[in-house]
Amino acid sequence: MIDEIRILLADDHPIVRKGLRITLEEEAGLRVVAEAEDGETALALTKQLLPAVAVLDIDMPKRDGFGVAREIRRQGLPTKPLFLTLHKDEDLFRAALELGIPGYILKDSAMQEIVAGVRAVANGQPYFSSAMAARLLPGGGMSAKGHASSGPAASRLTPTENQILRLIASGQSSKEIGDTLSIHYRTVENHRTNMCRKLGLEGANALLRFALQHRSDLEGE
């Protein structure tokens, strides 16, 4: 676990930024190093300061949160993007997952949840508002078809596939998993396809839902 979590706040509403800053800096080990009122400024400050977490509103002038997050990933910056938004729209949430955003928190969440989300994302763990996380579980509202049959994941997957599943649960993208395991990201994608077939999963985010649902079992292996 890192000693101090350096944070960038990006939101075009100064009152929102002020409230977040006060709340976050009351917590031990959290420090807001910069604020931005638009996406271009957020990206420039992220490149300059390399904070651990960039808390991004989705709707911002000049460049939205998705645009900032894509550039952070494209440029290989170590900063983890976390969306803090009013949007409960399922399509936006799915798009964030597909982009590999490790945190998605609603602005109407309790401040304790926002703090917990920042800490989790900074330490390499995905974090979603409880209202959104419920949609990742079977029957929770996400429109992807199918879910895995019962039984431990390890019994149906190879050791490599279980290792990849653990990394998926930690919020890593296929490229990041490839870098971790020193294999090509397309090889990771092939493994993901085979895992979905073995587990009876269908839909763009079904494997992530399964990984999160079985995270405690995977960590114990």
Protein backbone atom coordinates (compact mmCIF):
# COMPACT_ATOMS: atom_id res chain seq x y z
CA MET A 1 0.00 0.00 0.00
CA ILE A 2 1.37 3.44 -0.92
CA ASP A 3 2.11 5.90 1.93
CA GLU A 4 0.58 9.03 0.42
CA ILE A 5 -2.04 9.17 -2.29
CA ARG A 6 -1.64 12.22 -4.53
CA ILE A 7 -4.89 13.25 -6.20
CA LEU A 8 -5.98 15.49 -9.06
CA LEU A 9 -9.56 16.78 -9.06
CA ALA A 10 -11.17 17.68 -12.39
CA ASP A 11 -14.68 19.16 -12.41
CA ASP A 12 -16.02 22.32 -14.00
CA HIS A 13 -17.95 23.23 -10.84
CA PRO A 14 -15.66 24.98 -8.31
CA ILE A 15 -18.02 24.29 -5.40
CA VAL A 16 -17.84 20.56 -6.12
CA ARG A 17 -14.05 20.68 -6.26
CA LYS A 18 -13.85 22.65 -3.02
CA GLY A 19 -16.09 20.20 -1.18
CA LEU A 20 -14.14 17.22 -2.47
CA ARG A 21 -10.82 18.78 -1.59
CA ILE A 22 -11.87 19.54 1.97
CA THR A 23 -13.23 16.02 2.45
CA LEU A 24 -10.26 14.22 0.94
CA GLU A 25 -7.61 16.24 2.74
CA GLU A 26 -9.24 15.54 6.09
CA GLU A 27 -8.25 11.92 5.53
CA ALA A 28 -4.82 10.68 6.55
CA GLY A 29 -2.57 9.88 3.61
CA LEU A 30 -4.62 11.74 0.99
CA ARG A 31 -3.36 14.93 -0.66
CA VAL A 32 -4.93 16.93 -3.48
CA VAL A 33 -2.04 18.20 -5.61
CA ALA A 34 -4.05 19.99 -8.31
CA GLU A 35 -7.49 21.03 -9.51
CA ALA A 36 -8.74 21.48 -13.07
CA GLU A 37 -11.94 23.00 -14.46
CA ASP A 38 -11.71 21.36 -17.88
CA GLY A 39 -10.34 18.23 -19.51
CA GLU A 40 -7.39 19.83 -21.29
CA THR A 41 -6.11 21.35 -18.06
CA ALA A 42 -6.69 18.05 -16.26
CA LEU A 43 -4.59 16.18 -18.82
CA ALA A 44 -1.79 18.76 -18.77
CA LEU A 45 -1.60 18.68 -14.96
CA THR A 46 -1.72 14.90 -14.92
CA LYS A 47 1.26 14.72 -17.30
CA GLN A 48 3.14 17.30 -15.22
CA LEU A 49 2.43 16.01 -11.70
CA LEU A 50 1.69 12.29 -12.24
CA PRO A 51 -0.80 11.96 -9.37
CA ALA A 52 -1.77 8.49 -8.21
CA VAL A 53 -5.45 9.13 -8.96
CA ALA A 54 -7.24 11.56 -11.27
CA VAL A 55 -10.83 12.08 -10.09
CA LEU A 56 -12.63 13.04 -13.29
CA ASP A 57 -16.11 14.29 -14.01
CA ILE A 58 -17.39 12.78 -17.26
CA ASP A 59 -18.94 16.04 -18.50
CA MET A 60 -16.21 18.70 -18.77
CA PRO A 61 -15.42 21.47 -21.27
CA LYS A 62 -12.70 21.04 -23.92
CA ARG A 63 -12.21 17.31 -23.24
CA ASP A 64 -14.57 15.01 -21.37
CA GLY A 65 -13.57 12.43 -18.77
CA PHE A 66 -13.42 9.64 -21.33
CA GLY A 67 -11.06 11.70 -23.49
CA VAL A 68 -8.76 12.40 -20.54
CA ALA A 69 -8.76 8.74 -19.48
CA ARG A 70 -7.98 7.55 -23.02
CA GLU A 71 -4.99 9.89 -23.22
CA ILE A 72 -3.73 8.81 -19.80
CA ARG A 73 -3.76 5.23 -21.04
CA ARG A 74 -2.40 6.05 -24.52
CA GLN A 75 0.55 7.94 -23.07
CA GLY A 76 1.29 5.23 -20.51
CA LEU A 77 0.93 7.53 -17.51
CA PRO A 78 0.85 5.83 -14.09
CA THR A 79 -2.21 7.81 -12.96
CA LYS A 80 -5.39 5.82 -12.32
CA PRO A 81 -8.57 7.54 -13.58
CA LEU A 82 -11.66 7.48 -11.39
CA PHE A 83 -14.98 8.78 -12.72
CA LEU A 84 -17.08 10.82 -10.28
CA THR A 85 -20.31 11.55 -12.09
CA LEU A 86 -24.03 12.13 -11.95
CA HIS A 87 -24.55 9.62 -14.76
CA LYS A 88 -26.29 6.37 -13.82
CA ASP A 89 -26.72 5.48 -17.48
CA GLU A 90 -25.91 1.82 -18.14
CA ASP A 91 -24.32 2.50 -21.52
CA LEU A 92 -21.87 5.01 -20.04
CA PHE A 93 -21.03 2.62 -17.22
CA ARG A 94 -20.42 -0.16 -19.75
CA ALA A 95 -18.24 2.15 -21.84
CA ALA A 96 -16.18 2.99 -18.76
CA LEU A 97 -15.67 -0.69 -18.00
CA GLU A 98 -14.66 -1.42 -21.58
CA LEU A 99 -12.12 1.40 -21.43
CA GLY A 100 -10.68 -0.16 -18.28
CA ILE A 101 -11.67 2.64 -15.88
CA PRO A 102 -11.01 1.15 -12.42
CA GLY A 103 -13.37 3.46 -10.52
CA TYR A 104 -16.91 4.70 -11.22
CA ILE A 105 -18.61 6.56 -8.36
CA LEU A 106 -21.83 8.53 -8.36
CA LYS A 107 -21.77 12.08 -7.05
CA ASP A 108 -24.69 11.38 -4.76
CA SER A 109 -22.66 8.70 -2.95
CA ALA A 110 -21.67 9.19 0.67
CA MET A 111 -18.33 10.92 1.07
CA GLN A 112 -16.98 7.80 2.80
CA GLU A 113 -17.60 5.87 -0.41
CA ILE A 114 -15.69 8.45 -2.46
CA VAL A 115 -12.76 8.26 -0.05
CA ALA A 116 -12.85 4.46 -0.14
CA GLY A 117 -12.92 4.55 -3.93
CA VAL A 118 -9.86 6.79 -4.15
CA ARG A 119 -7.91 4.54 -1.78
CA ALA A 120 -8.93 1.36 -3.62
CA VAL A 121 -8.11 2.66 -7.09
CA ALA A 122 -4.76 4.07 -5.92
CA ASN A 123 -3.85 0.64 -4.60
CA GLY A 124 -4.76 -1.20 -7.79
CA GLN A 125 -8.27 -2.36 -6.88
CA PRO A 126 -11.43 -1.57 -8.88
CA TYR A 127 -14.16 0.33 -7.06
CA PHE A 128 -17.71 1.07 -8.18
CA SER A 129 -20.54 2.82 -6.39
CA SER A 130 -22.76 0.24 -4.74
CA ALA A 131 -25.65 1.24 -7.02
CA MET A 132 -23.51 0.56 -10.09
CA ALA A 133 -21.65 -2.48 -8.75
CA ALA A 134 -24.99 -4.26 -8.27
CA ARG A 135 -25.38 -4.20 -12.04
CA LEU A 136 -22.20 -6.26 -12.45
CA LEU A 137 -23.74 -9.26 -10.75
CA PRO A 138 -26.12 -11.72 -12.44
CA GLY A 139 -29.65 -10.37 -12.29
CA GLY A 140 -28.37 -6.93 -11.34
CA GLY A 141 -29.61 -5.13 -14.43
CA MET A 142 -26.64 -5.20 -16.83
CA SER A 143 -27.92 -6.27 -20.19
CA ALA A 144 -25.14 -8.73 -21.12
CA LYS A 145 -26.51 -12.24 -21.64
CA GLY A 146 -25.72 -15.21 -19.49
CA HIS A 147 -23.70 -15.88 -16.36
CA ALA A 148 -21.40 -18.61 -15.22
CA SER A 149 -22.66 -21.90 -13.93
CA SER A 150 -22.06 -22.70 -10.27
CA GLY A 151 -18.84 -24.20 -8.95
CA PRO A 152 -15.32 -22.89 -8.27
CA ALA A 153 -13.62 -21.12 -11.13
CA ALA A 154 -10.36 -23.00 -10.64
CA SER A 155 -11.95 -26.32 -11.51
CA ARG A 156 -12.71 -25.17 -15.05
CA LEU A 157 -9.71 -22.97 -15.87
CA THR A 158 -6.00 -23.56 -16.37
CA PRO A 159 -3.49 -22.01 -13.91
CA THR A 160 -2.70 -19.30 -16.48
CA GLU A 161 -6.37 -18.54 -16.98
CA ASN A 162 -6.93 -18.26 -13.24
CA GLN A 163 -3.96 -15.91 -13.02
CA ILE A 164 -5.47 -13.76 -15.77
CA LEU A 165 -8.84 -13.83 -14.00
CA ARG A 166 -7.21 -12.53 -10.81
CA LEU A 167 -5.65 -9.67 -12.79
CA ILE A 168 -9.00 -8.88 -14.41
CA ALA A 169 -10.54 -8.67 -10.92
CA SER A 170 -7.81 -6.21 -9.93
CA GLY A 171 -8.90 -3.89 -12.75
CA GLN A 172 -6.15 -4.54 -15.30
CA SER A 173 -6.80 -4.24 -19.03
CA SER A 174 -5.67 -6.89 -21.51
CA LYS A 175 -2.61 -4.80 -22.38
CA GLU A 176 -1.68 -4.39 -18.72
CA ILE A 177 -2.15 -8.10 -18.11
CA GLY A 178 0.05 -8.84 -21.11
CA ASP A 179 2.76 -6.58 -19.69
CA THR A 180 2.47 -8.23 -16.27
CA LEU A 181 2.73 -11.74 -17.68
CA SER A 182 5.15 -10.84 -20.49
CA ILE A 183 2.79 -12.05 -23.21
CA HIS A 184 1.14 -10.26 -26.13
CA TYR A 185 -2.18 -8.61 -25.35
CA ARG A 186 -3.79 -10.58 -28.20
CA THR A 187 -2.79 -13.76 -26.37
CA VAL A 188 -4.61 -12.39 -23.34
CA GLU A 189 -7.67 -11.71 -25.50
CA ASN A 190 -7.55 -15.31 -26.76
CA HIS A 191 -7.44 -16.55 -23.17
CA ARG A 192 -10.41 -14.35 -22.30
CA THR A 193 -12.41 -15.81 -25.18
CA ASN A 194 -11.59 -19.37 -24.06
CA MET A 195 -12.44 -18.54 -20.45
CA CYS A 196 -15.85 -17.18 -21.44
CA ARG A 197 -16.52 -20.34 -23.44
CA LYS A 198 -15.53 -22.61 -20.54
CA LEU A 199 -17.55 -20.61 -18.00
CA GLY A 200 -20.61 -20.20 -20.19
CA LEU A 201 -20.34 -16.41 -20.21
CA GLU A 202 -21.74 -14.09 -22.87
CA GLY A 203 -21.58 -10.31 -23.18
CA ALA A 204 -18.90 -7.63 -23.22
CA ASN A 205 -18.50 -7.38 -19.43
CA ALA A 206 -19.54 -10.86 -18.35
CA LEU A 207 -15.97 -11.98 -17.53
CA LEU A 208 -15.35 -8.87 -15.41
CA ARG A 209 -18.61 -9.49 -13.55
CA PHE A 210 -17.55 -13.09 -12.90
CA ALA A 211 -14.06 -12.04 -11.74
CA LEU A 212 -15.47 -9.50 -9.29
CA GLN A 213 -18.09 -11.92 -8.02
CA HIS A 214 -15.43 -14.57 -7.31
CA ARG A 215 -12.62 -12.23 -6.23
CA SER A 216 -12.35 -13.63 -2.70
CA ASP A 217 -12.05 -17.20 -4.03
CA LEU A 218 -9.42 -16.15 -6.57
CA GLU A 219 -7.32 -14.31 -3.98
CA GLY A 220 -7.29 -17.42 -1.85
CA GLU A 221 -5.82 -19.61 -4.56
